[in-house]
Protein backbone atom coordinates (compact mmCIF):
# COMPACT_ATOMS: atom_id res chain seq x y z
CA MET A 1 -102.44 -84.66 -12.35
CA ASN A 2 -103.09 -81.59 -14.50
CA MET A 3 -105.87 -79.63 -12.85
CA ARG A 4 -108.07 -76.76 -13.98
CA VAL A 5 -110.81 -75.58 -11.64
CA ARG A 6 -112.84 -72.61 -12.87
CA LEU A 7 -114.88 -70.67 -10.34
CA SER A 8 -117.74 -68.82 -12.00
CA SER A 9 -117.79 -66.31 -9.13
CA ALA A 10 -114.98 -64.40 -7.40
CA ASP A 11 -117.09 -64.24 -4.22
CA PRO A 12 -115.06 -65.63 -1.28
CA GLY A 13 -118.29 -67.23 -0.07
CA VAL A 14 -117.79 -70.14 -2.50
CA VAL A 15 -114.80 -71.24 -0.40
CA ALA A 16 -115.12 -73.36 2.72
CA PHE A 17 -112.36 -74.52 5.05
CA GLY A 18 -111.93 -77.70 6.98
CA CYS A 19 -109.52 -79.69 9.09
CA SER A 20 -110.05 -83.16 10.45
CA PRO A 21 -108.04 -84.98 13.13
CA ALA A 22 -108.89 -88.30 11.49
CA HIS A 23 -107.63 -87.23 8.06
CA GLU A 24 -104.48 -85.76 9.63
CA ALA A 25 -103.91 -89.15 11.25
CA LEU A 26 -104.28 -90.89 7.89
CA ARG A 27 -101.94 -88.42 6.18
CA SER A 28 -99.39 -88.89 8.98
CA LEU A 29 -99.51 -92.66 8.41
CA HIS A 30 -98.68 -92.03 4.76
CA VAL A 31 -95.72 -89.86 5.82
CA LEU A 32 -94.57 -92.53 8.27
CA GLY A 33 -94.54 -95.19 5.57
CA ALA A 34 -93.17 -93.03 2.75
CA VAL A 35 -90.89 -90.71 4.70
CA LYS A 36 -88.35 -90.50 1.83
CA GLN A 37 -90.98 -88.51 -0.05
CA HIS A 38 -91.40 -86.14 2.92
CA PRO A 39 -87.90 -85.05 4.00
CA LEU A 40 -89.17 -82.25 6.26
CA HIS A 41 -90.94 -84.87 8.39
CA ILE A 42 -87.98 -87.19 9.00
CA SER A 43 -87.50 -86.00 12.60
CA TRP A 44 -91.21 -86.40 13.31
CA ALA A 45 -91.24 -89.90 11.80
CA LEU A 46 -88.27 -91.00 13.91
CA LYS A 47 -89.96 -89.72 17.05
CA ALA A 48 -93.25 -91.39 16.13
CA ARG A 49 -91.56 -94.75 15.56
CA GLU A 50 -89.94 -94.52 18.98
CA ARG A 51 -93.41 -94.16 20.50
CA MET A 52 -94.85 -97.18 18.68
CA ASP A 53 -94.80 -100.55 20.39
CA ALA A 54 -94.46 -103.90 18.60
CA PHE A 55 -98.24 -104.19 18.05
CA LEU A 56 -98.47 -100.78 16.40
CA LYS A 57 -95.46 -101.41 14.17
CA GLU A 58 -96.90 -104.77 13.08
CA GLU A 59 -100.33 -103.32 12.34
CA ALA A 60 -98.79 -100.37 10.48
CA ASP A 61 -96.94 -102.84 8.26
CA GLN A 62 -100.08 -104.91 7.72
CA PHE A 63 -102.03 -101.83 6.52
CA ALA A 64 -99.04 -100.35 4.70
CA PHE A 65 -100.35 -101.16 1.20
CA TRP A 66 -103.12 -98.56 1.65
CA CYS A 67 -101.09 -95.97 3.57
CA HIS A 68 -97.82 -95.81 1.63
CA GLY A 69 -99.01 -95.05 -1.89
CA ARG A 70 -101.18 -92.11 -0.88
CA PRO A 71 -103.19 -91.14 2.19
CA LEU A 72 -106.39 -93.08 2.85
CA GLY A 73 -109.66 -91.19 2.91
CA PHE A 74 -113.14 -92.12 4.04
CA PRO A 75 -115.38 -89.31 2.72
CA GLN A 76 -118.57 -91.22 3.51
CA ILE A 77 -117.50 -91.58 7.15
CA TRP A 78 -115.59 -88.36 7.82
CA ARG A 79 -116.59 -85.15 6.04
CA THR A 80 -113.63 -82.81 6.11
CA GLY A 81 -115.77 -79.67 6.19
CA GLU A 82 -117.60 -80.74 9.34
CA VAL A 83 -116.20 -79.85 12.76
CA SER A 84 -115.67 -83.03 14.77
CA SER A 85 -113.36 -84.08 17.58
CA TRP A 86 -111.16 -87.16 17.43
CA PRO A 87 -113.44 -89.20 19.79
CA GLU A 88 -116.42 -88.32 17.59
CA GLN A 89 -114.60 -89.35 14.43
CA LEU A 90 -113.34 -92.58 15.96
CA ALA A 91 -116.91 -93.42 17.05
CA ALA A 92 -118.15 -92.62 13.53
CA LEU A 93 -115.64 -95.11 12.07
CA ARG A 94 -116.71 -97.84 14.47
CA ASP A 95 -120.43 -97.22 13.82
CA ALA A 96 -120.25 -96.70 10.04
CA PRO A 97 -121.53 -99.35 7.61
CA ALA A 98 -118.68 -101.76 6.96
CA ALA A 99 -119.11 -101.18 3.22
CA HIS A 100 -118.12 -97.51 3.59
CA TYR A 101 -114.81 -98.66 5.04
CA ALA A 102 -114.25 -101.69 2.82
CA GLU A 103 -114.97 -99.98 -0.49
CA GLN A 104 -112.24 -97.39 0.11
CA LEU A 105 -109.62 -100.07 0.70
CA LEU A 106 -110.81 -102.14 -2.24
CA ALA A 107 -110.60 -99.10 -4.49
CA GLY A 108 -106.94 -98.78 -3.49
CA THR A 109 -106.24 -102.31 -4.71
CA LEU A 110 -107.91 -101.67 -8.06
CA GLN A 111 -106.33 -98.34 -8.92
CA THR A 112 -104.78 -97.81 -12.33
CA ASN A 113 -102.17 -95.14 -13.13
CA GLY A 114 -102.62 -93.65 -9.68
CA ARG A 115 -106.40 -93.30 -9.98
CA ALA A 116 -108.77 -95.37 -7.86
CA PHE A 117 -112.32 -96.09 -8.94
CA HIS A 118 -115.13 -96.74 -6.50
CA VAL A 119 -116.58 -100.26 -6.65
CA ARG A 120 -119.54 -101.30 -4.54
CA LEU A 121 -118.82 -104.17 -2.17
CA GLU A 122 -121.51 -106.41 -3.67
CA ASP A 123 -120.21 -105.75 -7.18
CA PHE A 124 -116.68 -106.61 -6.06
CA HIS A 125 -117.77 -110.02 -4.79
CA ALA A 126 -119.99 -110.65 -7.83
CA ASP A 127 -117.09 -110.38 -10.27
CA PRO A 128 -114.42 -113.10 -9.70
CA ALA A 129 -111.88 -111.10 -11.67
CA LEU A 130 -111.86 -108.24 -9.17
CA PRO A 131 -110.73 -110.21 -6.07
CA GLU A 132 -108.02 -111.85 -8.17
CA ARG A 133 -106.88 -108.48 -9.46
CA ALA A 134 -106.82 -107.08 -5.92
CA MET A 135 -104.80 -110.02 -4.58
CA ASN A 136 -102.27 -109.71 -7.42
CA ALA A 137 -101.83 -105.97 -6.79
CA VAL A 138 -101.15 -106.41 -3.07
CA GLN A 139 -98.90 -109.43 -3.66
CA ALA A 140 -96.81 -107.43 -6.12
CA ARG A 141 -96.47 -104.24 -4.09
CA HIS A 142 -96.63 -105.23 -0.40
CA PRO A 143 -97.22 -108.91 0.43
CA ALA A 144 -97.33 -108.16 4.17
CA SER A 145 -100.79 -106.62 3.58
CA LEU A 146 -102.29 -109.82 2.16
CA PRO A 147 -103.74 -110.95 5.55
CA VAL A 148 -105.62 -107.64 5.83
CA LEU A 149 -106.99 -107.99 2.30
CA ARG A 150 -108.16 -111.57 2.95
CA GLU A 151 -109.88 -110.48 6.17
CA LEU A 152 -111.36 -107.49 4.37
CA MET A 153 -112.91 -109.70 1.69
CA ALA A 154 -114.11 -112.37 4.13
CA ASP A 155 -115.39 -110.18 6.98
CA PRO A 156 -115.45 -106.42 6.25
CA GLU A 157 -116.92 -105.54 9.65
CA ARG A 158 -114.19 -107.38 11.52
CA SER A 159 -111.57 -105.68 9.36
CA ARG A 160 -113.17 -102.29 10.02
CA ASN A 161 -113.09 -102.89 13.79
CA ARG A 162 -109.46 -103.97 13.58
CA PHE A 163 -108.52 -100.83 11.67
CA ALA A 164 -110.37 -98.69 14.21
CA GLU A 165 -108.43 -100.29 17.08
CA PHE A 166 -105.16 -99.77 15.25
CA LEU A 167 -105.95 -96.14 14.44
CA SER A 168 -107.03 -95.46 18.03
CA ALA A 169 -103.81 -96.88 19.47
CA TYR A 170 -101.75 -95.02 16.85
CA TRP A 171 -103.47 -91.74 17.68
CA ASP A 172 -102.87 -92.13 21.41
CA ALA A 173 -99.18 -92.95 20.91
CA CYS A 174 -98.13 -90.64 18.09
CA LEU A 175 -100.58 -87.74 17.65
CA ALA A 176 -102.49 -87.11 20.88
CA PRO A 177 -99.47 -85.55 22.69
CA GLU A 178 -99.02 -83.01 19.88
CA TRP A 179 -102.58 -82.49 18.67
CA PRO A 180 -103.45 -79.36 20.73
CA SER A 181 -100.45 -77.57 19.18
CA LEU A 182 -101.06 -78.98 15.70
CA GLU A 183 -104.72 -77.98 15.80
CA ARG A 184 -103.86 -74.40 16.80
CA TYR A 185 -101.67 -74.07 13.71
CA LEU A 186 -104.40 -75.48 11.46
CA LEU A 187 -107.09 -73.18 12.85
CA ALA A 188 -104.77 -70.15 12.69
CA ASP A 189 -104.08 -70.85 9.01
CA ILE A 190 -107.81 -71.12 8.29
CA ALA A 191 -108.55 -67.87 10.15
CA ARG A 192 -105.77 -65.98 8.35
CA ARG A 193 -106.77 -67.14 4.88
CA SER A 194 -110.45 -66.49 5.56
CA ARG A 195 -109.67 -62.90 6.61
CA ALA A 196 -107.48 -62.44 3.53
CA GLY A 197 -110.33 -63.59 1.31
CA TYR A 198 -112.79 -61.02 2.61
CA GLN A 199 -110.23 -58.21 2.87
CA ARG A 200 -108.36 -58.67 -0.42
CA GLY A 201 -110.59 -60.90 -2.55
CA LEU A 202 -110.69 -64.52 -3.58
CA ALA A 203 -107.81 -64.60 -6.06
CA PRO A 204 -105.24 -62.97 -3.71
CA MET A 205 -106.33 -65.35 -0.95
CA LEU A 206 -105.81 -68.40 -3.19
CA ASP A 207 -102.57 -67.09 -4.66
CA GLY A 208 -99.67 -68.56 -2.74
CA LEU A 209 -101.80 -71.44 -1.49
CA GLU A 210 -99.23 -73.78 -2.96
CA HIS A 211 -96.39 -73.11 -5.38
CA ARG A 212 -97.63 -75.90 -7.67
CA LEU A 213 -100.87 -74.02 -8.28
CA ARG A 214 -101.43 -70.97 -10.47
CA VAL A 215 -104.33 -68.58 -9.76
CA VAL A 216 -105.65 -66.20 -12.41
CA GLN A 217 -108.65 -63.87 -12.15
CA ASP A 218 -110.48 -62.98 -15.34
CA GLY A 219 -113.36 -60.64 -14.61
CA ASP A 220 -115.76 -62.43 -12.30
CA GLU A 221 -114.08 -65.80 -12.88
CA VAL A 222 -111.14 -67.32 -11.02
CA LEU A 223 -109.06 -70.11 -12.55
CA ILE A 224 -106.95 -72.46 -10.44
CA ALA A 225 -104.58 -74.58 -12.54
CA SER A 226 -101.45 -76.66 -12.20
CA ALA A 227 -98.40 -74.43 -12.44
CA ARG A 228 -96.70 -76.98 -14.69
CA SER A 229 -98.69 -79.27 -16.95
CA ARG A 230 -97.44 -82.69 -17.91
CA ALA A 231 -98.40 -84.19 -21.24
CA ASP A 232 -98.70 -87.70 -19.78
CA ALA A 233 -100.72 -86.75 -16.66
CA ASP A 234 -104.44 -87.26 -16.12
CA GLU A 235 -106.66 -84.22 -16.54
CA LEU A 236 -109.12 -82.84 -14.01
CA GLU A 237 -111.17 -79.93 -15.32
CA LEU A 238 -114.19 -78.67 -13.38
CA THR A 239 -116.35 -75.58 -13.33
CA LEU A 240 -117.85 -74.63 -9.98
CA THR A 241 -120.99 -72.51 -9.84
CA GLU A 242 -122.36 -70.58 -6.87
CA GLN A 243 -124.12 -73.74 -5.64
CA ASP A 244 -120.87 -75.73 -5.66
CA GLN A 245 -118.02 -75.57 -3.18
CA LEU A 246 -114.26 -75.22 -3.08
CA LEU A 247 -113.00 -76.82 0.14
CA LEU A 248 -109.53 -75.83 1.35
CA VAL A 249 -107.87 -78.11 3.89
CA PRO A 250 -104.52 -77.18 5.49
CA SER A 251 -102.35 -80.03 6.70
CA HIS A 252 -99.14 -80.54 8.63
CA PHE A 253 -98.43 -83.67 6.61
CA ALA A 254 -99.22 -82.61 3.03
CA TRP A 255 -95.84 -81.16 1.97
CA PRO A 256 -94.42 -81.59 -0.64
CA LEU A 257 -97.67 -82.73 -2.26
CA VAL A 258 -100.87 -80.87 -3.01
CA ALA A 259 -103.87 -83.20 -3.12
CA VAL A 260 -106.87 -82.35 -5.30
CA ALA A 261 -110.06 -84.41 -5.15
CA GLY A 262 -113.47 -83.84 -6.68
CA ARG A 263 -116.77 -85.41 -5.72
CA ARG A 264 -120.37 -85.00 -6.78
CA GLU A 265 -123.35 -85.37 -4.43
CA ARG A 266 -127.10 -85.13 -4.80
CA GLN A 267 -128.50 -82.42 -2.53
CA ALA A 268 -131.95 -80.83 -2.59
CA GLY A 269 -132.75 -82.36 -5.95
CA ARG A 270 -129.57 -81.22 -7.73
CA ASP A 271 -126.00 -82.36 -8.16
CA ARG A 272 -123.48 -80.44 -6.08
CA GLN A 273 -119.78 -80.52 -6.86
CA THR A 274 -117.07 -80.16 -4.25
CA VAL A 275 -113.41 -79.75 -5.08
CA GLN A 276 -111.09 -80.31 -2.12
CA ILE A 277 -107.54 -78.97 -2.14
CA THR A 278 -105.32 -80.23 0.67
CA TYR A 279 -102.27 -78.01 1.00
CA ALA A 280 -99.27 -77.62 3.30
CA LEU A 281 -99.29 -75.05 6.08
CA ASP A 282 -97.35 -71.87 5.39
CA ALA A 283 -94.85 -72.82 8.10
CA MET A 284 -93.99 -76.03 6.23
CA GLN A 285 -93.74 -74.22 2.89
CA ARG A 286 -91.34 -71.69 4.44
CA LYS A 287 -89.17 -74.51 5.77
CA ALA A 288 -89.08 -75.97 2.29
CA HIS A 289 -87.73 -72.71 0.87
CA PRO A 290 -84.78 -71.66 3.06
CA PRO A 291 -83.67 -68.02 2.94
CA VAL A 292 -81.31 -66.95 0.19
CA PRO A 293 -78.18 -65.11 1.40
CA SER A 294 -78.19 -61.44 0.50
CA GLU A 295 -76.13 -60.32 -2.47
CA ASP A 296 -74.16 -58.01 -0.17
CA LEU A 297 -73.14 -60.93 2.05
CA LEU A 298 -72.16 -63.04 -0.95
CA LYS A 299 -70.01 -60.23 -2.38
CA LEU A 300 -68.20 -59.78 0.93
CA LEU A 301 -67.54 -63.50 1.34
CA ARG A 302 -66.47 -64.05 -2.28
CA ALA A 303 -64.04 -61.13 -2.15
CA ALA A 304 -62.44 -62.25 1.10
CA ALA A 305 -62.39 -65.97 0.28
CA HIS A 306 -58.81 -66.07 -1.05
CA PRO A 307 -55.54 -66.47 0.88
CA THR A 308 -53.87 -63.51 -0.83
CA ARG A 309 -56.81 -61.19 -0.28
CA LEU A 310 -57.03 -62.20 3.36
CA ARG A 311 -53.32 -61.37 3.76
CA ILE A 312 -53.96 -57.98 2.13
CA LEU A 313 -56.81 -57.27 4.56
CA GLN A 314 -54.64 -58.28 7.50
CA LEU A 315 -51.83 -55.97 6.35
CA LEU A 316 -54.23 -53.06 5.77
CA ALA A 317 -55.70 -53.53 9.26
CA GLY A 318 -52.50 -51.99 10.60
CA HIS A 319 -52.42 -48.91 8.37
CA PRO A 320 -52.95 -47.88 4.71
CA ARG A 321 -50.38 -49.24 2.26
CA SER A 322 -49.53 -48.66 -1.38
CA THR A 323 -49.85 -51.23 -4.11
CA ARG A 324 -46.06 -51.41 -4.43
CA GLU A 325 -45.60 -51.98 -0.68
CA LEU A 326 -48.22 -54.75 -0.64
CA ALA A 327 -46.59 -56.41 -3.65
CA GLY A 328 -43.20 -56.40 -1.93
CA LEU A 329 -44.55 -57.77 1.36
CA ILE A 330 -46.59 -60.55 -0.23
CA GLY A 331 -44.15 -61.41 -3.02
CA LEU A 332 -46.38 -60.83 -6.04
CA THR A 333 -46.28 -58.39 -8.93
CA GLU A 334 -48.05 -55.04 -8.60
CA ALA A 335 -50.40 -56.09 -11.42
CA ALA A 336 -51.47 -59.20 -9.48
CA ILE A 337 -51.96 -57.20 -6.29
CA SER A 338 -53.99 -54.60 -8.21
CA LYS A 339 -56.42 -57.30 -9.41
CA HIS A 340 -56.97 -58.50 -5.84
CA LEU A 341 -57.42 -54.93 -4.58
CA LYS A 342 -59.98 -54.22 -7.30
CA LEU A 343 -62.12 -57.14 -6.14
CA LEU A 344 -61.81 -56.05 -2.51
CA ALA A 345 -62.74 -52.47 -3.41
CA GLU A 346 -65.79 -53.55 -5.43
CA ALA A 347 -67.07 -55.52 -2.42
CA GLY A 348 -66.47 -52.59 -0.07
CA TRP A 349 -63.58 -54.02 1.92
CA VAL A 350 -61.02 -51.35 0.94
CA GLU A 351 -60.90 -47.84 -0.48
CA PRO A 352 -58.15 -46.23 -2.60
CA GLU A 353 -56.65 -42.86 -1.76
CA ARG A 354 -53.93 -41.06 -3.72
CA HIS A 355 -50.76 -39.76 -2.07
CA SER A 356 -48.62 -37.90 -4.62
CA TYR A 357 -47.57 -40.49 -7.22
CA TYR A 358 -48.77 -43.47 -5.20
CA VAL A 359 -52.20 -45.04 -4.68
CA TYR A 360 -52.70 -46.21 -1.13
CA TYR A 361 -55.46 -48.54 0.04
CA ARG A 362 -57.03 -48.41 3.44
CA LEU A 363 -59.34 -50.86 5.17
CA VAL A 364 -63.00 -49.77 5.43
CA ARG A 365 -63.50 -50.27 9.16
CA GLY A 366 -67.28 -50.82 9.11
CA THR A 367 -67.18 -53.64 6.56
CA HIS A 368 -66.37 -56.46 8.97
CA GLY A 369 -69.32 -55.24 11.06
CA ARG A 370 -71.57 -55.51 7.97
CA LEU A 371 -70.31 -59.05 7.45
CA ALA A 372 -70.94 -60.01 11.08
CA ASN A 373 -74.46 -58.54 11.02
CA ALA A 374 -75.31 -60.29 7.75
CA LEU A 375 -74.10 -63.63 9.09
CA GLU A 376 -76.01 -63.12 12.31
CA GLY A 377 -79.17 -62.39 10.37
CA LEU A 378 -78.67 -65.49 8.23
CA LEU A 379 -77.88 -67.88 11.06
CA SER A 380 -80.05 -66.58 13.88
C-alpha cells in the first residue's frame, strides 16, 4: 500500500504509543502460520510448535485462514492505545458482543486485493451472495478452516468462545513464559522514542521508525510516506489535525512488514481519525541488517587471499627479501612478483625499502594484529 499521512502539527503531542498482549498474540499466530515471510522468527516458531499439543495444532490449523494472510485485529474489543493486561483482554474477548468478533472474521473472507471491508453481521446474513462468496474464498485458500466458518455463520457466540479458549491455551503455552521479557522490550522502545520526540522533535523521532517509511518536515507539517511507491498499489492518504491521533505500536512480530491502518470514530460530536503504524522493534531491525565488514578488513583479506601472496608473506616473515630473491624462490618472473607485492603494499601487509640497486620488501609486523582485531570485532 502506498501511504501518505500528513500531520498538520509537528508537536510530539499528536503521537500516542501502545502495545497490547492480545495483538502481539495475534501477530505471533500470523508469524507461526507464515514463517517463510518472517525468516528472523524461524527459531521462535520452531520452539513454539514444540510447546503446542495436538489440540493447539489442530485449532491453529482450523483458524489458519484468518491468521496466515495477515494478523487478525479486533479494534472494537481491544484498543491498542489502552493499557490492559492479558487476563483483562481475554475477559474482554469473552464478554464482547459476538458481532464484534464475527464481523472481523467475515471481513477477512470478503477481502479483495488485500483489503477487507467491514460488513455488519445482519447485513451478511441478509445477502445470500455474501455467505457463498465467503465459503468459496475459504474453500479456495484453506479448506481446513471451513468448519470454523460454518460455525461462525451458524452460531457466532459459540465460535467466539471457541476462539477465546484456543487463544488462552496458545498464550499459556507459547507466549506466557516469554511475555515479561517481551513486554520490557516493548515498553523500553516506547520510552526511548517518546523521549526522542520531546528532546529532538517529532520528525527526528519518526525518522528511522521503519526503513520502508520516509519522513519529511516542511515547516509546521510532517509528512510520512512510503519510501517506495508502487503504481499498482492501493493508496492511503490522510491528513491528521491536532484533534486526531497518530498511534505508534512496536511489535516483536512485525518484521519485515510495517502495518498501517486508519479508522474514524465519532467522539464529542466530531469525527476523530486515528492512524496506527505497527513497526518492528529496533532490535529486530538491527538483526535484519547485519554489520558490513570494514573496508580495511576487506582490503587485508583480499590482498592475502592468494596462494602466491601467502607464500610471499611467509617468506618475508623470516626477513626482508628483494623482488629478485622472491622470484627465484617462488619460481615466477620478477614482473609477476612485483604485481603481487604491489597489492600487498597497498593493503598494508608489506613495505618497500631500497638497498643500493635493489628494492627489498619487509613484512609490516602490526598488520596481522590489525587483521585479528578486525575479525574479532566482526565475529564477537
